Amino acid sequence: MNLTVKDESGQIVVRIVERRLDAAIAGEFKDAVRPHVAMRGPDLLLDLGEVEFLDSSGLGAVIALKKALPEGRQMRLRRLTPNVARVFRLTRMDQVFDIVDAADCGKGGCA
């Protein structure tokens, strides 16, 4: 499981460097990101720009992380590929998550 975590413009950015976020790595992904979610501090930005395939296990892991956020902290999603964006639309999770594109973040929209 390959991901990076860094502070970017006052928020924690978690970038998943995997082509698939599916049952094979969903648990490992959730375990790796959970410590960054559980702590108090800046909002979390999940960068899914490398993920080309997301199944129900991957979606469930992202939802579980959102639910684990302390009160007052937000999680945004950025750079959804077309297939991943389609999963969020079909499951109506696009109405639950704040989804931004990379251009919005460059204009201060993610801070």
PDB file of N, CA and C in Angstrom:
ATOM      1  N   MET A   1       0.862  -1.177   0.000  1.00  0.00           N
ATOM      2  CA  MET A   1       0.000   0.000   0.000  1.00  0.00           C
ATOM      3  C   MET A   1       0.898   1.225   0.000  1.00  0.00           C
ATOM      4  N   ASN A   2       0.683   2.090  -0.948  1.00  0.00           N
ATOM      5  CA  ASN A   2       1.552   3.243  -1.124  1.00  0.00           C
ATOM      6  C   ASN A   2       0.729   4.519  -0.975  1.00  0.00           C
ATOM      7  N   LEU A   3       1.091   5.330   0.039  1.00  0.00           N
ATOM      8  CA  LEU A   3       0.445   6.626   0.195  1.00  0.00           C
ATOM      9  C   LEU A   3       1.423   7.597   0.824  1.00  0.00           C
ATOM     10  N   THR A   4       1.146   8.876   0.613  1.00  0.00           N
ATOM     11  CA  THR A   4       1.961   9.924   1.216  1.00  0.00           C
ATOM     12  C   THR A   4       1.059  10.800   2.072  1.00  0.00           C
ATOM     13  N   VAL A   5       1.639  11.338   3.116  1.00  0.00           N
ATOM     14  CA  VAL A   5       0.922  12.239   4.018  1.00  0.00           C
ATOM     15  C   VAL A   5       1.798  13.462   4.215  1.00  0.00           C
ATOM     16  N   LYS A   6       1.218  14.646   3.975  1.00  0.00           N
ATOM     17  CA  LYS A   6       1.981  15.869   4.194  1.00  0.00           C
ATOM     18  C   LYS A   6       1.051  17.013   4.567  1.00  0.00           C
ATOM     19  N   ASP A   7       1.641  18.029   5.156  1.00  0.00           N
ATOM     20  CA  ASP A   7       0.894  19.242   5.489  1.00  0.00           C
ATOM     21  C   ASP A   7       0.995  20.160   4.279  1.00  0.00           C
ATOM     22  N   GLU A   8      -0.158  20.576   3.775  1.00  0.00           N
ATOM     23  CA  GLU A   8      -0.196  21.417   2.583  1.00  0.00           C
ATOM     24  C   GLU A   8      -1.217  22.522   2.808  1.00  0.00           C
ATOM     25  N   SER A   9      -0.769  23.746   2.864  1.00  0.00           N
ATOM     26  CA  SER A   9      -1.659  24.899   3.036  1.00  0.00           C
ATOM     27  C   SER A   9      -2.554  24.760   4.267  1.00  0.00           C
ATOM     28  N   GLY A  10      -1.972  24.284   5.353  1.00  0.00           N
ATOM     29  CA  GLY A  10      -2.717  24.206   6.600  1.00  0.00           C
ATOM     30  C   GLY A  10      -3.696  23.053   6.698  1.00  0.00           C
ATOM     31  N   GLN A  11      -3.537  22.043   5.868  1.00  0.00           N
ATOM     32  CA  GLN A  11      -4.378  20.857   5.968  1.00  0.00           C
ATOM     33  C   GLN A  11      -3.519  19.612   5.745  1.00  0.00           C
ATOM     34  N   ILE A  12      -3.987  18.494   6.241  1.00  0.00           N
ATOM     35  CA  ILE A  12      -3.287  17.236   6.049  1.00  0.00           C
ATOM     36  C   ILE A  12      -3.748  16.644   4.722  1.00  0.00           C
ATOM     37  N   VAL A  13      -2.795  16.413   3.822  1.00  0.00           N
ATOM     38  CA  VAL A  13      -3.110  15.841   2.511  1.00  0.00           C
ATOM     39  C   VAL A  13      -2.622  14.396   2.482  1.00  0.00           C
ATOM     40  N   VAL A  14      -3.560  13.485   2.259  1.00  0.00           N
ATOM     41  CA  VAL A  14      -3.242  12.073   2.112  1.00  0.00           C
ATOM     42  C   VAL A  14      -3.429  11.737   0.642  1.00  0.00           C
ATOM     43  N   ARG A  15      -2.348  11.328   0.001  1.00  0.00           N
ATOM     44  CA  ARG A  15      -2.384  11.000  -1.431  1.00  0.00           C
ATOM     45  C   ARG A  15      -2.179   9.504  -1.586  1.00  0.00           C
ATOM     46  N   ILE A  16      -3.151   8.854  -2.179  1.00  0.00           N
ATOM     47  CA  ILE A  16      -3.080   7.415  -2.406  1.00  0.00           C
ATOM     48  C   ILE A  16      -2.401   7.184  -3.747  1.00  0.00           C
ATOM     49  N   VAL A  17      -1.281   6.486  -3.709  1.00  0.00           N
ATOM     50  CA  VAL A  17      -0.529   6.220  -4.930  1.00  0.00           C
ATOM     51  C   VAL A  17      -0.740   4.749  -5.291  1.00  0.00           C
ATOM     52  N   GLU A  18      -1.968   4.434  -5.618  1.00  0.00           N
ATOM     53  CA  GLU A  18      -2.379   3.083  -6.011  1.00  0.00           C
ATOM     54  C   GLU A  18      -3.386   3.223  -7.147  1.00  0.00           C
ATOM     55  N   ARG A  19      -3.395   2.274  -8.056  1.00  0.00           N
ATOM     56  CA  ARG A  19      -4.369   2.298  -9.152  1.00  0.00           C
ATOM     57  C   ARG A  19      -5.736   1.806  -8.696  1.00  0.00           C
ATOM     58  N   ARG A  20      -5.740   0.956  -7.643  1.00  0.00           N
ATOM     59  CA  ARG A  20      -6.990   0.357  -7.166  1.00  0.00           C
ATOM     60  C   ARG A  20      -7.125   0.562  -5.662  1.00  0.00           C
ATOM     61  N   LEU A  21      -8.294   0.984  -5.253  1.00  0.00           N
ATOM     62  CA  LEU A  21      -8.644   1.016  -3.835  1.00  0.00           C
ATOM     63  C   LEU A  21      -9.806   0.046  -3.695  1.00  0.00           C
ATOM     64  N   ASP A  22      -9.460  -1.206  -3.434  1.00  0.00           N
ATOM     65  CA  ASP A  22     -10.453  -2.278  -3.435  1.00  0.00           C
ATOM     66  C   ASP A  22     -10.282  -3.156  -2.210  1.00  0.00           C
ATOM     67  N   ALA A  23     -10.977  -4.284  -2.185  1.00  0.00           N
ATOM     68  CA  ALA A  23     -10.979  -5.177  -1.029  1.00  0.00           C
ATOM     69  C   ALA A  23      -9.570  -5.632  -0.648  1.00  0.00           C
ATOM     70  N   ALA A  24      -8.682  -5.727  -1.619  1.00  0.00           N
ATOM     71  CA  ALA A  24      -7.325  -6.202  -1.350  1.00  0.00           C
ATOM     72  C   ALA A  24      -6.532  -5.243  -0.468  1.00  0.00           C
ATOM     73  N   ILE A  25      -6.808  -3.935  -0.542  1.00  0.00           N
ATOM     74  CA  ILE A  25      -6.024  -2.978   0.245  1.00  0.00           C
ATOM     75  C   ILE A  25      -6.868  -2.047   1.107  1.00  0.00           C
ATOM     76  N   ALA A  26      -8.186  -2.170   1.067  1.00  0.00           N
ATOM     77  CA  ALA A  26      -9.049  -1.232   1.796  1.00  0.00           C
ATOM     78  C   ALA A  26      -8.746  -1.204   3.301  1.00  0.00           C
ATOM     79  N   GLY A  27      -8.576  -2.371   3.909  1.00  0.00           N
ATOM     80  CA  GLY A  27      -8.282  -2.427   5.339  1.00  0.00           C
ATOM     81  C   GLY A  27      -6.942  -1.798   5.672  1.00  0.00           C
ATOM     82  N   GLU A  28      -5.944  -2.095   4.880  1.00  0.00           N
ATOM     83  CA  GLU A  28      -4.607  -1.528   5.075  1.00  0.00           C
ATOM     84  C   GLU A  28      -4.648  -0.005   4.898  1.00  0.00           C
ATOM     85  N   PHE A  29      -5.383   0.457   3.882  1.00  0.00           N
ATOM     86  CA  PHE A  29      -5.547   1.894   3.651  1.00  0.00           C
ATOM     87  C   PHE A  29      -6.176   2.567   4.868  1.00  0.00           C
ATOM     88  N   LYS A  30      -7.260   1.990   5.347  1.00  0.00           N
ATOM     89  CA  LYS A  30      -7.970   2.558   6.495  1.00  0.00           C
ATOM     90  C   LYS A  30      -7.055   2.599   7.726  1.00  0.00           C
ATOM     91  N   ASP A  31      -6.317   1.524   7.976  1.00  0.00           N
ATOM     92  CA  ASP A  31      -5.411   1.474   9.121  1.00  0.00           C
ATOM     93  C   ASP A  31      -4.285   2.493   9.003  1.00  0.00           C
ATOM     94  N   ALA A  32      -3.799   2.732   7.786  1.00  0.00           N
ATOM     95  CA  ALA A  32      -2.701   3.678   7.578  1.00  0.00           C
ATOM     96  C   ALA A  32      -3.158   5.129   7.744  1.00  0.00           C
ATOM     97  N   VAL A  33      -4.395   5.419   7.372  1.00  0.00           N
ATOM     98  CA  VAL A  33      -4.887   6.803   7.418  1.00  0.00           C
ATOM     99  C   VAL A  33      -5.543   7.143   8.757  1.00  0.00           C
ATOM    100  N   ARG A  34      -6.070   6.146   9.435  1.00  0.00           N
ATOM    101  CA  ARG A  34      -6.810   6.384  10.680  1.00  0.00           C
ATOM    102  C   ARG A  34      -6.064   7.245  11.702  1.00  0.00           C
ATOM    103  N   PRO A  35      -4.758   7.061  11.935  1.00  0.00           N
ATOM    104  CA  PRO A  35      -4.076   7.933  12.910  1.00  0.00           C
ATOM    105  C   PRO A  35      -4.113   9.418  12.526  1.00  0.00           C
ATOM    106  N   HIS A  36      -4.126   9.700  11.249  1.00  0.00           N
ATOM    107  CA  HIS A  36      -4.171  11.095  10.783  1.00  0.00           C
ATOM    108  C   HIS A  36      -5.581  11.667  10.874  1.00  0.00           C
ATOM    109  N   VAL A  37      -6.562  10.796  10.898  1.00  0.00           N
ATOM    110  CA  VAL A  37      -7.958  11.198  11.013  1.00  0.00           C
ATOM    111  C   VAL A  37      -8.325  11.444  12.475  1.00  0.00           C
ATOM    112  N   ALA A  38      -7.847  10.577  13.341  1.00  0.00           N
ATOM    113  CA  ALA A  38      -8.261  10.593  14.743  1.00  0.00           C
ATOM    114  C   ALA A  38      -7.738  11.801  15.519  1.00  0.00           C
ATOM    115  N   MET A  39      -6.605  12.327  15.105  1.00  0.00           N
ATOM    116  CA  MET A  39      -6.030  13.437  15.858  1.00  0.00           C
ATOM    117  C   MET A  39      -6.780  14.740  15.614  1.00  0.00           C
ATOM    118  N   ARG A  40      -6.737  15.587  16.587  1.00  0.00           N
ATOM    119  CA  ARG A  40      -7.294  16.927  16.412  1.00  0.00           C
ATOM    120  C   ARG A  40      -6.314  17.705  15.542  1.00  0.00           C
ATOM    121  N   GLY A  41      -6.812  18.678  14.827  1.00  0.00           N
ATOM    122  CA  GLY A  41      -5.912  19.465  14.008  1.00  0.00           C
ATOM    123  C   GLY A  41      -6.574  19.914  12.732  1.00  0.00           C
ATOM    124  N   PRO A  42      -5.759  20.128  11.710  1.00  0.00           N
ATOM    125  CA  PRO A  42      -6.287  20.670  10.457  1.00  0.00           C
ATOM    126  C   PRO A  42      -7.179  19.667   9.734  1.00  0.00           C
ATOM    127  N   ASP A  43      -7.943  20.175   8.802  1.00  0.00           N
ATOM    128  CA  ASP A  43      -8.816  19.335   7.992  1.00  0.00           C
ATOM    129  C   ASP A  43      -7.986  18.364   7.161  1.00  0.00           C
ATOM    130  N   LEU A  44      -8.657  17.357   6.657  1.00  0.00           N
ATOM    131  CA  LEU A  44      -8.018  16.301   5.892  1.00  0.00           C
ATOM    132  C   LEU A  44      -8.453  16.402   4.435  1.00  0.00           C
ATOM    133  N   LEU A  45      -7.502  16.291   3.526  1.00  0.00           N
ATOM    134  CA  LEU A  45      -7.775  16.282   2.093  1.00  0.00           C
ATOM    135  C   LEU A  45      -7.284  14.952   1.547  1.00  0.00           C
ATOM    136  N   LEU A  46      -8.188  14.156   1.011  1.00  0.00           N
ATOM    137  CA  LEU A  46      -7.857  12.861   0.458  1.00  0.00           C
ATOM    138  C   LEU A  46      -7.731  12.992  -1.055  1.00  0.00           C
ATOM    139  N   ASP A  47      -6.516  12.813  -1.556  1.00  0.00           N
ATOM    140  CA  ASP A  47      -6.217  12.957  -2.981  1.00  0.00           C
ATOM    141  C   ASP A  47      -6.302  11.580  -3.645  1.00  0.00           C
ATOM    142  N   LEU A  48      -7.298  11.406  -4.494  1.00  0.00           N
ATOM    143  CA  LEU A  48      -7.535  10.127  -5.158  1.00  0.00           C
ATOM    144  C   LEU A  48      -7.148  10.155  -6.636  1.00  0.00           C
ATOM    145  N   GLY A  49      -6.277  11.060  -7.011  1.00  0.00           N
ATOM    146  CA  GLY A  49      -5.928  11.261  -8.416  1.00  0.00           C
ATOM    147  C   GLY A  49      -5.269  10.085  -9.105  1.00  0.00           C
ATOM    148  N   GLU A  50      -4.688   9.153  -8.357  1.00  0.00           N
ATOM    149  CA  GLU A  50      -4.037   7.987  -8.956  1.00  0.00           C
ATOM    150  C   GLU A  50      -4.975   6.781  -8.992  1.00  0.00           C
ATOM    151  N   VAL A  51      -6.076   6.841  -8.267  1.00  0.00           N
ATOM    152  CA  VAL A  51      -6.981   5.697  -8.131  1.00  0.00           C
ATOM    153  C   VAL A  51      -7.908   5.626  -9.345  1.00  0.00           C
ATOM    154  N   GLU A  52      -7.779   4.551 -10.106  1.00  0.00           N
ATOM    155  CA  GLU A  52      -8.604   4.363 -11.298  1.00  0.00           C
ATOM    156  C   GLU A  52      -9.794   3.446 -11.037  1.00  0.00           C
ATOM    157  N   PHE A  53      -9.732   2.663  -9.952  1.00  0.00           N
ATOM    158  CA  PHE A  53     -10.808   1.731  -9.646  1.00  0.00           C
ATOM    159  C   PHE A  53     -11.099   1.765  -8.151  1.00  0.00           C
ATOM    160  N   LEU A  54     -12.363   1.891  -7.809  1.00  0.00           N
ATOM    161  CA  LEU A  54     -12.813   1.914  -6.420  1.00  0.00           C
ATOM    162  C   LEU A  54     -14.000   0.969  -6.305  1.00  0.00           C
ATOM    163  N   ASP A  55     -13.894  -0.047  -5.426  1.00  0.00           N
ATOM    164  CA  ASP A  55     -15.033  -0.937  -5.229  1.00  0.00           C
ATOM    165  C   ASP A  55     -15.733  -0.586  -3.917  1.00  0.00           C
ATOM    166  N   SER A  56     -16.714  -1.397  -3.539  1.00  0.00           N
ATOM    167  CA  SER A  56     -17.491  -1.088  -2.337  1.00  0.00           C
ATOM    168  C   SER A  56     -16.639  -1.125  -1.076  1.00  0.00           C
ATOM    169  N   SER A  57     -15.618  -1.963  -1.039  1.00  0.00           N
ATOM    170  CA  SER A  57     -14.728  -2.000   0.122  1.00  0.00           C
ATOM    171  C   SER A  57     -13.914  -0.716   0.232  1.00  0.00           C
ATOM    172  N   GLY A  58     -13.425  -0.228  -0.896  1.00  0.00           N
ATOM    173  CA  GLY A  58     -12.687   1.034  -0.904  1.00  0.00           C
ATOM    174  C   GLY A  58     -13.572   2.196  -0.522  1.00  0.00           C
ATOM    175  N   LEU A  59     -14.791   2.214  -1.061  1.00  0.00           N
ATOM    176  CA  LEU A  59     -15.748   3.258  -0.707  1.00  0.00           C
ATOM    177  C   LEU A  59     -16.075   3.179   0.778  1.00  0.00           C
ATOM    178  N   GLY A  60     -16.270   1.966   1.286  1.00  0.00           N
ATOM    179  CA  GLY A  60     -16.548   1.790   2.708  1.00  0.00           C
ATOM    180  C   GLY A  60     -15.420   2.294   3.582  1.00  0.00           C
ATOM    181  N   ALA A  61     -14.182   2.114   3.152  1.00  0.00           N
ATOM    182  CA  ALA A  61     -13.031   2.600   3.915  1.00  0.00           C
ATOM    183  C   ALA A  61     -13.022   4.133   3.957  1.00  0.00           C
ATOM    184  N   VAL A  62     -13.316   4.763   2.846  1.00  0.00           N
ATOM    185  CA  VAL A  62     -13.360   6.232   2.803  1.00  0.00           C
ATOM    186  C   VAL A  62     -14.485   6.749   3.704  1.00  0.00           C
ATOM    187  N   ILE A  63     -15.637   6.093   3.666  1.00  0.00           N
ATOM    188  CA  ILE A  63     -16.765   6.488   4.515  1.00  0.00           C
ATOM    189  C   ILE A  63     -16.416   6.309   5.992  1.00  0.00           C
ATOM    190  N   ALA A  64     -15.772   5.192   6.328  1.00  0.00           N
ATOM    191  CA  ALA A  64     -15.383   4.938   7.723  1.00  0.00           C
ATOM    192  C   ALA A  64     -14.429   6.005   8.236  1.00  0.00           C
ATOM    193  N   LEU A  65     -13.507   6.455   7.386  1.00  0.00           N
ATOM    194  CA  LEU A  65     -12.579   7.510   7.790  1.00  0.00           C
ATOM    195  C   LEU A  65     -13.322   8.813   8.044  1.00  0.00           C
ATOM    196  N   LYS A  66     -14.288   9.115   7.194  1.00  0.00           N
ATOM    197  CA  LYS A  66     -15.080  10.338   7.390  1.00  0.00           C
ATOM    198  C   LYS A  66     -15.834  10.275   8.717  1.00  0.00           C
ATOM    199  N   LYS A  67     -16.400   9.123   9.016  1.00  0.00           N
ATOM    200  CA  LYS A  67     -17.148   8.957  10.263  1.00  0.00           C
ATOM    201  C   LYS A  67     -16.246   9.048  11.495  1.00  0.00           C
ATOM    202  N   ALA A  68     -14.969   8.723  11.333  1.00  0.00           N
ATOM    203  CA  ALA A  68     -14.030   8.737  12.453  1.00  0.00           C
ATOM    204  C   ALA A  68     -13.476  10.125  12.761  1.00  0.00           C
ATOM    205  N   LEU A  69     -13.771  11.099  11.909  1.00  0.00           N
ATOM    206  CA  LEU A  69     -13.253  12.454  12.128  1.00  0.00           C
ATOM    207  C   LEU A  69     -13.799  13.038  13.429  1.00  0.00           C
ATOM    208  N   PRO A  70     -12.941  13.687  14.217  1.00  0.00           N
ATOM    209  CA  PRO A  70     -13.435  14.381  15.406  1.00  0.00           C
ATOM    210  C   PRO A  70     -14.376  15.520  14.997  1.00  0.00           C
ATOM    211  N   GLU A  71     -15.269  15.872  15.886  1.00  0.00           N
ATOM    212  CA  GLU A  71     -16.224  16.949  15.619  1.00  0.00           C
ATOM    213  C   GLU A  71     -15.481  18.234  15.260  1.00  0.00           C
ATOM    214  N   GLY A  72     -15.982  18.901  14.239  1.00  0.00           N
ATOM    215  CA  GLY A  72     -15.387  20.165  13.810  1.00  0.00           C
ATOM    216  C   GLY A  72     -14.320  20.016  12.739  1.00  0.00           C
ATOM    217  N   ARG A  73     -13.901  18.797  12.478  1.00  0.00           N
ATOM    218  CA  ARG A  73     -12.895  18.543  11.451  1.00  0.00           C
ATOM    219  C   ARG A  73     -13.577  18.055  10.186  1.00  0.00           C
ATOM    220  N   GLN A  74     -13.081  18.463   9.032  1.00  0.00           N
ATOM    221  CA  GLN A  74     -13.694  18.079   7.759  1.00  0.00           C
ATOM    222  C   GLN A  74     -12.738  17.247   6.921  1.00  0.00           C
ATOM    223  N   MET A  75     -13.314  16.453   6.023  1.00  0.00           N
ATOM    224  CA  MET A  75     -12.528  15.709   5.054  1.00  0.00           C
ATOM    225  C   MET A  75     -13.063  16.047   3.669  1.00  0.00           C
ATOM    226  N   ARG A  76     -12.162  16.442   2.793  1.00  0.00           N
ATOM    227  CA  ARG A  76     -12.515  16.721   1.404  1.00  0.00           C
ATOM    228  C   ARG A  76     -11.829  15.687   0.516  1.00  0.00           C
ATOM    229  N   LEU A  77     -12.391  15.478  -0.652  1.00  0.00           N
ATOM    230  CA  LEU A  77     -11.804  14.584  -1.645  1.00  0.00           C
ATOM    231  C   LEU A  77     -11.375  15.423  -2.834  1.00  0.00           C
ATOM    232  N   ARG A  78     -10.231  15.058  -3.410  1.00  0.00           N
ATOM    233  CA  ARG A  78      -9.716  15.842  -4.534  1.00  0.00           C
ATOM    234  C   ARG A  78      -9.249  14.911  -5.653  1.00  0.00           C
ATOM    235  N   ARG A  79      -9.354  15.413  -6.881  1.00  0.00           N
ATOM    236  CA  ARG A  79      -8.830  14.766  -8.095  1.00  0.00           C
ATOM    237  C   ARG A  79      -9.414  13.380  -8.325  1.00  0.00           C
ATOM    238  N   LEU A  80     -10.714  13.249  -8.252  1.00  0.00           N
ATOM    239  CA  LEU A  80     -11.351  11.967  -8.545  1.00  0.00           C
ATOM    240  C   LEU A  80     -11.247  11.674 -10.034  1.00  0.00           C
ATOM    241  N   THR A  81     -10.772  10.494 -10.363  1.00  0.00           N
ATOM    242  CA  THR A  81     -10.734  10.069 -11.757  1.00  0.00           C
ATOM    243  C   THR A  81     -12.173   9.796 -12.205  1.00  0.00           C
ATOM    244  N   PRO A  82     -12.432   9.754 -13.501  1.00  0.00           N
ATOM    245  CA  PRO A  82     -13.815   9.565 -13.970  1.00  0.00           C
ATOM    246  C   PRO A  82     -14.508   8.324 -13.398  1.00  0.00           C
ATOM    247  N   ASN A  83     -13.809   7.192 -13.340  1.00  0.00           N
ATOM    248  CA  ASN A  83     -14.432   5.974 -12.812  1.00  0.00           C
ATOM    249  C   ASN A  83     -14.757   6.097 -11.329  1.00  0.00           C
ATOM    250  N   VAL A  84     -13.861   6.694 -10.576  1.00  0.00           N
ATOM    251  CA  VAL A  84     -14.086   6.870  -9.142  1.00  0.00           C
ATOM    252  C   VAL A  84     -15.211   7.886  -8.917  1.00  0.00           C
ATOM    253  N   ALA A  85     -15.219   8.955  -9.676  1.00  0.00           N
ATOM    254  CA  ALA A  85     -16.292   9.951  -9.564  1.00  0.00           C
ATOM    255  C   ALA A  85     -17.642   9.311  -9.865  1.00  0.00           C
ATOM    256  N   ARG A  86     -17.668   8.394 -10.818  1.00  0.00           N
ATOM    257  CA  ARG A  86     -18.909   7.699 -11.173  1.00  0.00           C
ATOM    258  C   ARG A  86     -19.427   6.878  -9.989  1.00  0.00           C
ATOM    259  N   VAL A  87     -18.538   6.209  -9.273  1.00  0.00           N
ATOM    260  CA  VAL A  87     -18.944   5.432  -8.095  1.00  0.00           C
ATOM    261  C   VAL A  87     -19.563   6.355  -7.050  1.00  0.00           C
ATOM    262  N   PHE A  88     -18.945   7.505  -6.824  1.00  0.00           N
ATOM    263  CA  PHE A  88     -19.488   8.447  -5.845  1.00  0.00           C
ATOM    264  C   PHE A  88     -20.857   8.977  -6.290  1.00  0.00           C
ATOM    265  N   ARG A  89     -21.017   9.234  -7.585  1.00  0.00           N
ATOM    266  CA  ARG A  89     -22.320   9.693  -8.091  1.00  0.00           C
ATOM    267  C   ARG A  89     -23.392   8.613  -7.979  1.00  0.00           C
ATOM    268  N   LEU A  90     -23.063   7.395  -8.407  1.00  0.00           N
ATOM    269  CA  LEU A  90     -24.049   6.308  -8.405  1.00  0.00           C
ATOM    270  C   LEU A  90     -24.517   5.942  -7.004  1.00  0.00           C
ATOM    271  N   THR A  91     -23.632   6.085  -6.038  1.00  0.00           N
ATOM    272  CA  THR A  91     -23.991   5.761  -4.649  1.00  0.00           C
ATOM    273  C   THR A  91     -24.489   6.985  -3.891  1.00  0.00           C
ATOM    274  N   ARG A  92     -24.539   8.107  -4.587  1.00  0.00           N
ATOM    275  CA  ARG A  92     -24.950   9.388  -4.021  1.00  0.00           C
ATOM    276  C   ARG A  92     -24.023   9.884  -2.905  1.00  0.00           C
ATOM    277  N   MET A  93     -22.850   9.335  -2.850  1.00  0.00           N
ATOM    278  CA  MET A  93     -21.870   9.791  -1.871  1.00  0.00           C
ATOM    279  C   MET A  93     -21.284  11.139  -2.279  1.00  0.00           C
ATOM    280  N   ASP A  94     -21.510  11.540  -3.521  1.00  0.00           N
ATOM    281  CA  ASP A  94     -21.080  12.872  -3.952  1.00  0.00           C
ATOM    282  C   ASP A  94     -21.868  13.951  -3.224  1.00  0.00           C
ATOM    283  N   GLN A  95     -23.010  13.587  -2.638  1.00  0.00           N
ATOM    284  CA  GLN A  95     -23.803  14.533  -1.857  1.00  0.00           C
ATOM    285  C   GLN A  95     -23.388  14.548  -0.389  1.00  0.00           C
ATOM    286  N   VAL A  96     -22.616  13.552   0.020  1.00  0.00           N
ATOM    287  CA  VAL A  96     -22.154  13.431   1.401  1.00  0.00           C
ATOM    288  C   VAL A  96     -20.763  14.047   1.566  1.00  0.00           C
ATOM    289  N   PHE A  97     -19.924  13.857   0.553  1.00  0.00           N
ATOM    290  CA  PHE A  97     -18.543  14.335   0.611  1.00  0.00           C
ATOM    291  C   PHE A  97     -18.389  15.664  -0.108  1.00  0.00           C
ATOM    292  N   ASP A  98     -17.485  16.470   0.381  1.00  0.00           N
ATOM    293  CA  ASP A  98     -17.090  17.702  -0.280  1.00  0.00           C
ATOM    294  C   ASP A  98     -16.002  17.322  -1.281  1.00  0.00           C
ATOM    295  N   ILE A  99     -16.335  17.354  -2.571  1.00  0.00           N
ATOM    296  CA  ILE A  99     -15.402  16.933  -3.624  1.00  0.00           C
ATOM    297  C   ILE A  99     -14.950  18.157  -4.385  1.00  0.00           C
ATOM    298  N   VAL A 100     -13.638  18.347  -4.441  1.00  0.00           N
ATOM    299  CA  VAL A 100     -13.053  19.485  -5.138  1.00  0.00           C
ATOM    300  C   VAL A 100     -12.085  18.960  -6.191  1.00  0.00           C
ATOM    301  N   ASP A 101     -11.808  19.780  -7.198  1.00  0.00           N
ATOM    302  CA  ASP A 101     -10.789  19.353  -8.140  1.00  0.00           C
ATOM    303  C   ASP A 101      -9.496  20.106  -7.845  1.00  0.00           C
ATOM    304  N   ALA A 102      -8.438  19.693  -8.471  1.00  0.00           N
ATOM    305  CA  ALA A 102      -7.127  20.280  -8.189  1.00  0.00           C
ATOM    306  C   ALA A 102      -7.078  21.760  -8.486  1.00  0.00           C
ATOM    307  N   ALA A 103      -7.808  22.212  -9.494  1.00  0.00           N
ATOM    308  CA  ALA A 103      -7.812  23.646  -9.833  1.00  0.00           C
ATOM    309  C   ALA A 103      -8.411  24.465  -8.708  1.00  0.00           C
ATOM    310  N   ASP A 104      -9.478  23.944  -8.062  1.00  0.00           N
ATOM    311  CA  ASP A 104     -10.075  24.649  -6.922  1.00  0.00           C
ATOM    312  C   ASP A 104      -9.079  24.793  -5.791  1.00  0.00           C
ATOM    313  N   CYS A 105      -8.281  23.755  -5.568  1.00  0.00           N
ATOM    314  CA  CYS A 105      -7.316  23.797  -4.476  1.00  0.00           C
ATOM    315  C   CYS A 105      -6.226  24.831  -4.756  1.00  0.00           C
ATOM    316  N   GLY A 106      -5.852  24.968  -6.010  1.00  0.00           N
ATOM    317  CA  GLY A 106      -4.837  25.950  -6.354  1.00  0.00           C
ATOM    318  C   GLY A 106      -5.299  27.385  -6.125  1.00  0.00           C
ATOM    319  N   LYS A 107      -6.606  27.605  -6.105  1.00  0.00           N
ATOM    320  CA  LYS A 107      -7.154  28.938  -5.894  1.00  0.00           C
ATOM    321  C   LYS A 107      -7.523  29.161  -4.430  1.00  0.00           C
ATOM    322  N   GLY A 108      -7.047  28.284  -3.544  1.00  0.00           N
ATOM    323  CA  GLY A 108      -7.342  28.443  -2.130  1.00  0.00           C
ATOM    324  C   GLY A 108      -8.658  27.808  -1.717  1.00  0.00           C
ATOM    325  N   GLY A 109      -9.300  27.067  -2.622  1.00  0.00           N
ATOM    326  CA  GLY A 109     -10.587  26.468  -2.315  1.00  0.00           C
ATOM    327  C   GLY A 109     -10.524  25.317  -1.338  1.00  0.00           C
ATOM    328  N   CYS A 110      -9.347  24.760  -1.112  1.00  0.00           N
ATOM    329  CA  CYS A 110      -9.221  23.618  -0.207  1.00  0.00           C
ATOM    330  C   CYS A 110      -8.764  24.036   1.177  1.00  0.00           C
ATOM    331  N   ALA A 111      -8.328  25.226   1.325  1.00  0.00           N
ATOM    332  CA  ALA A 111      -7.796  25.648   2.637  1.00  0.00           C
ATOM    333  C   ALA A 111      -8.895  25.982   3.588  1.00  0.00           C
TER     334      ALA A 111
END
